[in-house]
Amino acid sequence: MIIELSEAQRESQSGFRDFVDRLVAPFADEHDRRQEMPPELIRQVAEAGYLGGVIPAQYGGSAMDAVTWGLLCEEIGRGSASLLSLLIVHGMVAQALIKWGSEAQRQEWLPKLAKGEMIGAFGLTEPNIGSDARNIETTAVLEGDEWRLNGQKRWISFAQVATLFLILAQVDGKPAAFLVERGRDGFSTEPINGMLGFRSAMLAGIHMQECRIPAANLVGRVGFGFSHVAGTALDHGRYCVAWGCLGLAQAGLDASLAYTGKRKQFGAFLKTHELIQELIADMITQIRAARMLCYQAAYLKQQGDPSLIMETSIAKYFTSRVAVKVSSDAVQIHGANGCSDSYPVQRYLRDAKIMEIIEGSNQMQQIIIAKYGYQDHIMNQRRQRSENSGSKAE
């Protein structure tokens, strides 16, 4: 199968690369050291139309197709994994509203999200709950025309600056999703610093104590919070992470190619040493394979194919592993320089490790992939038996 971008997609890709090369990559290490994302850069991302990338035009969005959105995530991931996480969580809120929000909610929130007038964040993870998201401890109780929320969330990307949060809570033991605006009484955030990676992703913990929101802020129905609303958001998140890991791996390869072409050891450039060539060859091969998985997921996403869930999990699982391997080898190639903050490869490695954890850890992806694998196996056996029975009848 030959993958060929349309002229419009190539033009978009070129624009994304220019944006990253000018405004993101040169400053990513400094943002990482300061553990913050400048408001000016977030504003520039919004003005470029990237925050509205997945939002339909009727709500003021850029309405990018699946491949174009993937290309954007790849380029942003190449420049800064922390900035990529803004696109991820902002898009997760938007996607959940597009699919499960009421028309009134879409009209109210999507135009603001598309323009960057509001920044979205996704509140699922809790201090005591990791991958066991169905058993979240945050609760919501309906009192008259208001919901009363109590609980905590942890490790929430861009929660320091977000203004609209999609919060998962339990309602009488059933999961539900709610829109919570910053500024509501009883709602507060606490910055989280000192992370291994994603240091400029503006992470924070969320505290809700008797936090009251309008009854109309329920997204979908009670009981649909995890399987439907959060499921849609997480599928989108995994898709973004897969493409972002592709960009992160490409950054590691690019840095290694440049370094080995100018660094000498034993009187010869590193690129002439066979062991270095072996590492570079593996990087190129793994990235090519990862890119094909991302394109496969994009094709299925564009077609609305139900197998997208498994293919996206495969893409996220594989590309995150590739990002870790490539960035680790990039540090190895750079030697002691690779362990210094004077070179970005150490940031790539730290960020790549986070990619193996967010939006469903690699172990959770393995469970999903294996589950679908067994289901496909059973379906294939049934199909074969049916075909054999038909042949005998004839």
Protein backbone atom coordinates (compact mmCIF):
# COMPACT_ATOMS: atom_id res chain seq x y z
CA MET A 1 0.00 0.00 0.00
CA ILE A 2 1.37 3.40 -1.00
CA ILE A 3 0.59 6.28 1.32
CA GLU A 4 0.28 9.55 -0.57
CA LEU A 5 -0.84 12.81 0.99
CA SER A 6 -3.18 15.10 -0.88
CA GLU A 7 -1.92 18.51 -1.94
CA ALA A 8 -3.93 20.13 0.86
CA GLN A 9 -2.47 17.74 3.42
CA ARG A 10 1.06 18.41 2.20
CA GLU A 11 0.47 22.15 2.47
CA SER A 12 -0.89 21.73 5.99
CA GLN A 13 2.08 19.57 6.96
CA SER A 14 4.48 22.22 5.67
CA GLY A 15 2.68 24.87 7.68
CA PHE A 16 2.79 22.74 10.82
CA ARG A 17 6.52 22.17 10.40
CA ASP A 18 7.18 25.86 9.93
CA PHE A 19 5.18 26.71 13.05
CA VAL A 20 7.10 24.16 15.13
CA ASP A 21 10.50 25.11 13.74
CA ARG A 22 9.91 28.80 14.44
CA LEU A 23 7.88 28.92 17.63
CA VAL A 24 8.14 25.58 19.45
CA ALA A 25 11.32 23.52 19.03
CA PRO A 26 13.87 26.31 19.65
CA PHE A 27 12.32 27.11 23.04
CA ALA A 28 11.12 23.69 24.24
CA ASP A 29 14.16 23.02 26.44
CA GLU A 30 13.78 26.39 28.15
CA HIS A 31 10.07 25.74 28.74
CA ASP A 32 11.04 22.35 30.17
CA ARG A 33 13.55 23.93 32.58
CA ARG A 34 11.05 26.58 33.70
CA GLN A 35 8.27 23.98 33.93
CA GLU A 36 5.74 26.22 32.24
CA MET A 37 4.14 26.85 28.88
CA PRO A 38 4.09 30.55 28.02
CA PRO A 39 0.59 32.02 27.57
CA GLU A 40 1.84 33.67 24.39
CA LEU A 41 2.61 30.30 22.79
CA ILE A 42 -0.81 28.95 23.77
CA ARG A 43 -2.33 32.06 22.18
CA GLN A 44 -0.33 31.45 18.99
CA VAL A 45 -1.50 27.83 18.88
CA ALA A 46 -5.09 29.04 19.19
CA GLU A 47 -4.69 31.73 16.53
CA ALA A 48 -3.26 29.15 14.13
CA GLY A 49 -6.53 27.24 14.47
CA TYR A 50 -4.89 24.20 16.04
CA LEU A 51 -7.04 24.15 19.20
CA GLY A 52 -10.08 23.86 16.95
CA GLY A 53 -8.52 21.22 14.74
CA VAL A 54 -11.03 18.47 15.56
CA ILE A 55 -14.04 20.79 15.92
CA PRO A 56 -16.53 21.05 13.02
CA ALA A 57 -16.63 24.27 11.04
CA GLN A 58 -20.23 24.97 12.13
CA TYR A 59 -18.89 25.53 15.64
CA GLY A 60 -15.94 27.63 14.52
CA GLY A 61 -13.39 24.82 14.26
CA SER A 62 -10.83 23.96 11.60
CA ALA A 63 -12.52 20.61 10.83
CA MET A 64 -9.28 18.82 9.99
CA ASP A 65 -9.52 15.34 8.51
CA ALA A 66 -7.98 12.47 10.48
CA VAL A 67 -4.70 12.44 8.55
CA THR A 68 -4.21 16.21 8.78
CA TRP A 69 -4.89 16.14 12.51
CA GLY A 70 -2.40 13.30 12.86
CA LEU A 71 0.22 15.28 10.94
CA LEU A 72 -0.31 18.21 13.29
CA CYS A 73 0.15 15.98 16.34
CA GLU A 74 3.29 14.51 14.78
CA GLU A 75 4.88 17.90 14.20
CA ILE A 76 3.90 19.32 17.60
CA GLY A 77 5.20 16.11 19.20
CA ARG A 78 8.47 16.58 17.34
CA GLY A 79 8.85 20.01 18.87
CA SER A 80 7.41 19.58 22.36
CA ALA A 81 5.60 16.64 23.92
CA SER A 82 4.34 19.00 26.62
CA LEU A 83 2.66 21.23 24.06
CA LEU A 84 1.25 18.14 22.38
CA SER A 85 -0.51 17.30 25.64
CA LEU A 86 -2.44 20.57 25.30
CA LEU A 87 -3.81 19.43 21.94
CA ILE A 88 -4.58 16.03 23.44
CA VAL A 89 -6.61 17.07 26.48
CA HIS A 90 -8.24 20.06 24.79
CA GLY A 91 -9.29 17.79 21.93
CA MET A 92 -10.54 15.12 24.34
CA VAL A 93 -13.03 17.57 25.82
CA ALA A 94 -14.11 18.73 22.37
CA GLN A 95 -14.53 15.20 21.01
CA ALA A 96 -16.61 14.15 24.00
CA LEU A 97 -18.91 17.13 23.45
CA ILE A 98 -19.15 16.55 19.71
CA LYS A 99 -20.28 12.97 20.16
CA TRP A 100 -22.16 12.99 23.46
CA GLY A 101 -22.97 16.59 24.31
CA SER A 102 -26.40 18.11 23.77
CA GLU A 103 -26.79 20.64 20.98
CA ALA A 104 -27.10 23.36 23.60
CA GLN A 105 -23.78 22.27 25.12
CA ARG A 106 -22.12 22.19 21.71
CA GLN A 107 -23.37 25.67 20.89
CA GLU A 108 -22.24 26.96 24.27
CA TRP A 109 -18.77 25.43 24.57
CA LEU A 110 -17.37 24.33 21.22
CA PRO A 111 -16.96 27.83 19.68
CA LYS A 112 -15.07 28.93 22.79
CA LEU A 113 -12.85 25.85 22.69
CA ALA A 114 -12.25 26.30 18.96
CA LYS A 115 -11.02 29.87 19.39
CA GLY A 116 -9.02 29.16 22.52
CA GLU A 117 -11.25 31.45 24.55
CA MET A 118 -11.49 28.47 26.89
CA ILE A 119 -8.86 25.77 27.44
CA GLY A 120 -10.15 22.25 28.07
CA ALA A 121 -8.74 19.62 30.43
CA PHE A 122 -9.77 16.05 31.13
CA GLY A 123 -10.26 15.01 34.76
CA LEU A 124 -10.22 11.23 35.13
CA THR A 125 -7.13 10.08 37.07
CA GLU A 126 -7.29 10.21 40.88
CA PRO A 127 -4.73 9.85 43.70
CA ASN A 128 -6.00 6.37 44.65
CA ILE A 129 -7.16 5.27 41.21
CA GLY A 130 -4.80 4.67 38.30
CA SER A 131 -5.84 2.37 35.49
CA ASP A 132 -8.93 1.18 37.42
CA ALA A 133 -10.87 4.16 36.13
CA ARG A 134 -14.28 2.49 36.52
CA ASN A 135 -13.89 2.78 40.29
CA ILE A 136 -13.22 6.49 40.60
CA GLU A 137 -13.95 7.96 44.02
CA THR A 138 -15.21 11.42 43.02
CA THR A 139 -18.96 11.66 43.63
CA ALA A 140 -21.77 13.79 42.24
CA VAL A 141 -25.19 14.25 43.83
CA LEU A 142 -28.14 15.98 42.17
CA GLU A 143 -29.81 18.57 44.40
CA GLY A 144 -32.59 20.47 42.69
CA ASP A 145 -31.17 22.06 39.55
CA GLU A 146 -27.54 21.62 40.59
CA TRP A 147 -24.96 18.85 40.88
CA ARG A 148 -22.76 18.77 43.98
CA LEU A 149 -19.27 17.32 43.31
CA ASN A 150 -16.75 16.10 45.86
CA GLY A 151 -13.40 14.48 45.13
CA GLN A 152 -9.88 14.89 43.80
CA LYS A 153 -8.11 14.43 40.47
CA ARG A 154 -4.38 14.03 39.91
CA TRP A 155 -1.84 14.44 37.08
CA ILE A 156 -4.19 16.58 34.96
CA SER A 157 -2.40 18.15 31.99
CA PHE A 158 -2.80 21.92 31.67
CA ALA A 159 -5.06 22.01 34.72
CA GLN A 160 -3.04 25.02 35.91
CA VAL A 161 -4.48 27.13 33.09
CA ALA A 162 -7.55 25.25 31.83
CA THR A 163 -10.91 26.92 32.21
CA LEU A 164 -13.26 24.07 31.29
CA PHE A 165 -12.85 20.61 32.79
CA LEU A 166 -14.52 17.36 31.77
CA ILE A 167 -14.79 15.60 35.14
CA LEU A 168 -15.69 11.95 35.68
CA ALA A 169 -17.63 11.15 38.86
CA GLN A 170 -19.86 8.47 40.37
CA VAL A 171 -23.59 9.05 40.68
CA ASP A 172 -25.08 6.37 42.93
CA GLY A 173 -22.34 4.01 41.79
CA LYS A 174 -22.78 4.83 38.10
CA PRO A 175 -20.12 6.81 36.17
CA ALA A 176 -21.09 10.18 34.74
CA ALA A 177 -19.27 13.05 33.02
CA PHE A 178 -19.66 16.71 33.89
CA LEU A 179 -18.47 20.07 32.58
CA VAL A 180 -16.96 22.14 35.37
CA GLU A 181 -15.79 25.70 34.83
CA ARG A 182 -12.86 27.17 36.69
CA GLY A 183 -14.11 29.68 39.20
CA ARG A 184 -16.92 27.56 40.58
CA ASP A 185 -17.14 27.68 44.37
CA GLY A 186 -15.41 24.68 45.90
CA PHE A 187 -13.20 24.07 42.84
CA SER A 188 -9.43 24.61 43.05
CA THR A 189 -6.21 23.39 41.44
CA GLU A 190 -2.74 22.77 42.85
CA PRO A 191 0.32 22.84 40.53
CA ILE A 192 2.43 19.69 40.21
CA ASN A 193 6.14 20.15 39.45
CA GLY A 194 9.25 17.99 39.43
CA MET A 195 7.94 15.42 36.95
CA LEU A 196 10.22 13.10 34.98
CA GLY A 197 8.82 14.36 31.69
CA PHE A 198 6.09 16.66 30.37
CA ARG A 199 7.57 19.28 32.66
CA SER A 200 5.99 22.20 30.83
CA ALA A 201 2.58 20.56 30.53
CA MET A 202 1.27 22.64 33.45
CA LEU A 203 0.10 19.61 35.41
CA ALA A 204 -2.05 20.09 38.48
CA GLY A 205 -4.21 18.31 40.97
CA ILE A 206 -7.89 19.21 41.20
CA HIS A 207 -9.83 19.56 44.43
CA MET A 208 -13.64 19.68 44.53
CA GLN A 209 -15.32 20.26 47.85
CA GLU A 210 -19.06 20.85 47.68
CA CYS A 211 -18.52 22.17 44.16
CA ARG A 212 -21.86 23.07 42.59
CA ILE A 213 -22.53 23.15 38.86
CA PRO A 214 -25.76 23.48 36.83
CA ALA A 215 -27.74 20.30 36.21
CA ALA A 216 -27.38 21.03 32.48
CA ASN A 217 -23.61 20.41 32.72
CA LEU A 218 -24.08 16.64 32.72
CA VAL A 219 -22.65 15.26 29.45
CA GLY A 220 -24.66 12.37 28.05
CA ARG A 221 -26.48 10.24 30.62
CA VAL A 222 -25.66 8.89 34.05
CA GLY A 223 -24.08 5.47 33.54
CA PHE A 224 -22.52 6.48 30.20
CA GLY A 225 -19.67 8.46 31.76
CA PHE A 226 -16.90 5.93 31.33
CA SER A 227 -17.98 3.57 28.55
CA HIS A 228 -19.22 6.31 26.23
CA VAL A 229 -18.04 9.82 27.14
CA ALA A 230 -14.64 8.96 28.62
CA GLY A 231 -14.21 6.17 26.07
CA THR A 232 -14.57 8.64 23.21
CA ALA A 233 -12.11 11.02 24.85
CA LEU A 234 -9.56 8.29 25.54
CA ASP A 235 -9.76 6.92 21.99
CA HIS A 236 -8.99 10.41 20.73
CA GLY A 237 -6.17 10.75 23.25
CA ARG A 238 -4.55 7.49 22.19
CA TYR A 239 -4.73 8.55 18.54
CA CYS A 240 -2.98 11.84 19.35
CA VAL A 241 -0.33 10.11 21.47
CA ALA A 242 0.45 7.65 18.67
CA TRP A 243 1.13 10.43 16.18
CA GLY A 244 2.94 12.51 18.80
CA CYS A 245 5.25 9.59 19.59
CA LEU A 246 6.01 9.34 15.89
CA GLY A 247 7.11 12.98 15.93
CA LEU A 248 9.10 12.49 19.11
CA ALA A 249 10.93 9.51 17.61
CA GLN A 250 11.61 11.50 14.44
CA ALA A 251 13.15 14.26 16.55
CA GLY A 252 15.47 11.70 18.16
CA LEU A 253 16.50 10.38 14.76
CA ASP A 254 17.06 13.87 13.34
CA ALA A 255 19.21 14.82 16.33
CA SER A 256 21.26 11.61 15.98
CA LEU A 257 21.82 12.08 12.25
CA ALA A 258 23.02 15.64 12.82
CA TYR A 259 25.26 14.73 15.75
CA THR A 260 26.93 11.73 14.13
CA GLY A 261 27.68 13.82 11.06
CA LYS A 262 29.75 16.35 12.97
CA ARG A 263 31.12 14.43 15.97
CA LYS A 264 34.42 12.56 15.58
CA GLN A 265 35.73 9.61 17.56
CA PHE A 266 38.96 7.74 16.85
CA GLY A 267 39.70 10.06 13.96
CA ALA A 268 36.45 9.43 12.08
CA PHE A 269 32.92 10.81 12.13
CA LEU A 270 30.54 8.76 14.26
CA LYS A 271 28.36 8.08 11.23
CA THR A 272 31.15 5.93 9.73
CA HIS A 273 31.24 3.53 12.70
CA GLU A 274 29.27 0.33 12.07
CA LEU A 275 27.77 0.13 15.56
CA ILE A 276 26.39 3.66 15.13
CA GLN A 277 25.03 2.73 11.72
CA GLU A 278 23.25 -0.22 13.31
CA LEU A 279 21.51 2.08 15.79
CA ILE A 280 20.55 4.54 13.06
CA ALA A 281 19.22 1.75 10.84
CA ASP A 282 17.03 0.44 13.64
CA MET A 283 15.70 3.95 14.30
CA ILE A 284 14.75 4.47 10.67
CA THR A 285 13.11 1.05 10.38
CA GLN A 286 11.10 1.40 13.58
CA ILE A 287 9.91 4.88 12.66
CA ARG A 288 8.82 3.70 9.21
CA ALA A 289 6.79 0.90 10.79
CA ALA A 290 5.29 3.27 13.36
CA ARG A 291 4.27 5.70 10.63
CA MET A 292 2.40 2.98 8.75
CA LEU A 293 0.44 2.07 11.89
CA CYS A 294 -0.49 5.71 12.37
CA TYR A 295 -1.68 6.02 8.77
CA GLN A 296 -3.69 2.81 9.16
CA ALA A 297 -5.40 4.25 12.25
CA ALA A 298 -6.02 7.52 10.39
CA TYR A 299 -7.63 5.72 7.47
CA LEU A 300 -9.95 3.78 9.76
CA LYS A 301 -10.78 6.91 11.74
CA GLN A 302 -11.68 8.73 8.54
CA GLN A 303 -13.92 5.83 7.49
CA GLY A 304 -15.54 5.47 10.90
CA ASP A 305 -14.50 1.82 10.97
CA PRO A 306 -15.28 0.10 14.30
CA SER A 307 -11.90 -1.66 14.24
CA LEU A 308 -10.36 1.76 14.85
CA ILE A 309 -10.31 1.11 18.63
CA MET A 310 -7.96 -1.83 18.34
CA GLU A 311 -5.82 -0.30 15.59
CA THR A 312 -5.43 2.90 17.60
CA SER A 313 -4.39 0.90 20.66
CA ILE A 314 -1.84 -0.98 18.54
CA ALA A 315 -0.52 2.29 17.12
CA LYS A 316 -0.28 3.91 20.55
CA TYR A 317 1.38 0.85 22.06
CA PHE A 318 3.93 0.42 19.27
CA THR A 319 4.80 4.07 18.67
CA SER A 320 5.29 4.80 22.37
CA ARG A 321 7.72 1.89 22.60
CA VAL A 322 9.49 3.12 19.49
CA ALA A 323 9.75 6.63 20.96
CA VAL A 324 11.39 5.24 24.10
CA LYS A 325 13.80 3.03 22.13
CA VAL A 326 14.78 5.72 19.63
CA SER A 327 15.26 8.42 22.26
CA SER A 328 17.24 6.03 24.48
CA ASP A 329 19.53 5.18 21.54
CA ALA A 330 19.80 8.88 20.74
CA VAL A 331 21.09 9.54 24.27
CA GLN A 332 23.50 6.63 23.87
CA ILE A 333 24.81 8.06 20.60
CA HIS A 334 25.33 11.46 22.20
CA GLY A 335 27.19 9.89 25.13
CA ALA A 336 27.70 12.20 28.10
CA ASN A 337 26.38 15.10 26.02
CA GLY A 338 23.11 13.20 25.73
CA CYS A 339 22.75 13.31 29.51
CA SER A 340 23.22 17.08 29.56
CA ASP A 341 20.43 19.62 29.25
CA SER A 342 22.53 21.26 26.55
CA TYR A 343 21.09 18.69 24.15
CA PRO A 344 17.36 17.94 23.72
CA VAL A 345 17.70 14.14 23.49
CA GLN A 346 17.53 13.79 27.27
CA ARG A 347 14.17 15.59 27.17
CA TYR A 348 13.00 13.29 24.40
CA LEU A 349 13.77 10.24 26.55
CA ARG A 350 12.02 11.64 29.62
CA ASP A 351 8.95 12.65 27.62
CA ALA A 352 8.87 9.34 25.74
CA LYS A 353 8.60 7.43 29.01
CA ILE A 354 5.52 9.45 29.93
CA MET A 355 3.98 8.49 26.58
CA GLU A 356 4.03 4.84 27.66
CA ILE A 357 1.80 5.74 30.61
CA ILE A 358 -0.72 8.41 29.57
CA GLU A 359 -4.12 7.70 27.98
CA GLY A 360 -3.89 4.09 29.06
CA SER A 361 -0.56 2.51 29.99
CA ASN A 362 1.17 0.10 27.64
CA GLN A 363 0.02 -2.74 29.85
CA MET A 364 -3.59 -1.64 29.43
CA GLN A 365 -3.05 -1.47 25.67
CA GLN A 366 -1.72 -5.02 25.75
CA ILE A 367 -4.90 -6.14 27.49
CA ILE A 368 -7.06 -4.36 24.89
CA ILE A 369 -5.06 -5.74 21.96
CA ALA A 370 -5.05 -9.29 23.31
CA LYS A 371 -8.80 -9.14 24.03
CA TYR A 372 -9.56 -8.12 20.46
CA GLY A 373 -7.11 -10.70 19.18
CA TYR A 374 -9.01 -13.50 20.94
CA GLN A 375 -12.33 -12.14 19.68
CA ASP A 376 -11.05 -12.05 16.11
CA HIS A 377 -9.75 -15.59 16.50
CA ILE A 378 -13.15 -16.86 17.67
CA MET A 379 -14.97 -15.01 14.89
CA ASN A 380 -12.59 -16.44 12.28
CA GLN A 381 -13.17 -19.96 13.61
CA ARG A 382 -16.95 -19.51 13.44
CA ARG A 383 -16.69 -18.12 9.93
CA GLN A 384 -14.54 -21.05 8.85
CA ARG A 385 -16.97 -23.57 10.33
CA SER A 386 -19.87 -21.82 8.61
CA GLU A 387 -18.07 -21.90 5.26
CA ASN A 388 -17.19 -25.56 5.70
CA SER A 389 -20.81 -26.40 6.54
CA GLY A 390 -21.99 -24.58 3.46
CA SER A 391 -19.56 -26.48 1.26
CA LYS A 392 -20.69 -29.85 2.60
CA ALA A 393 -24.37 -28.94 2.05
CA GLU A 394 -23.66 -28.25 -1.58
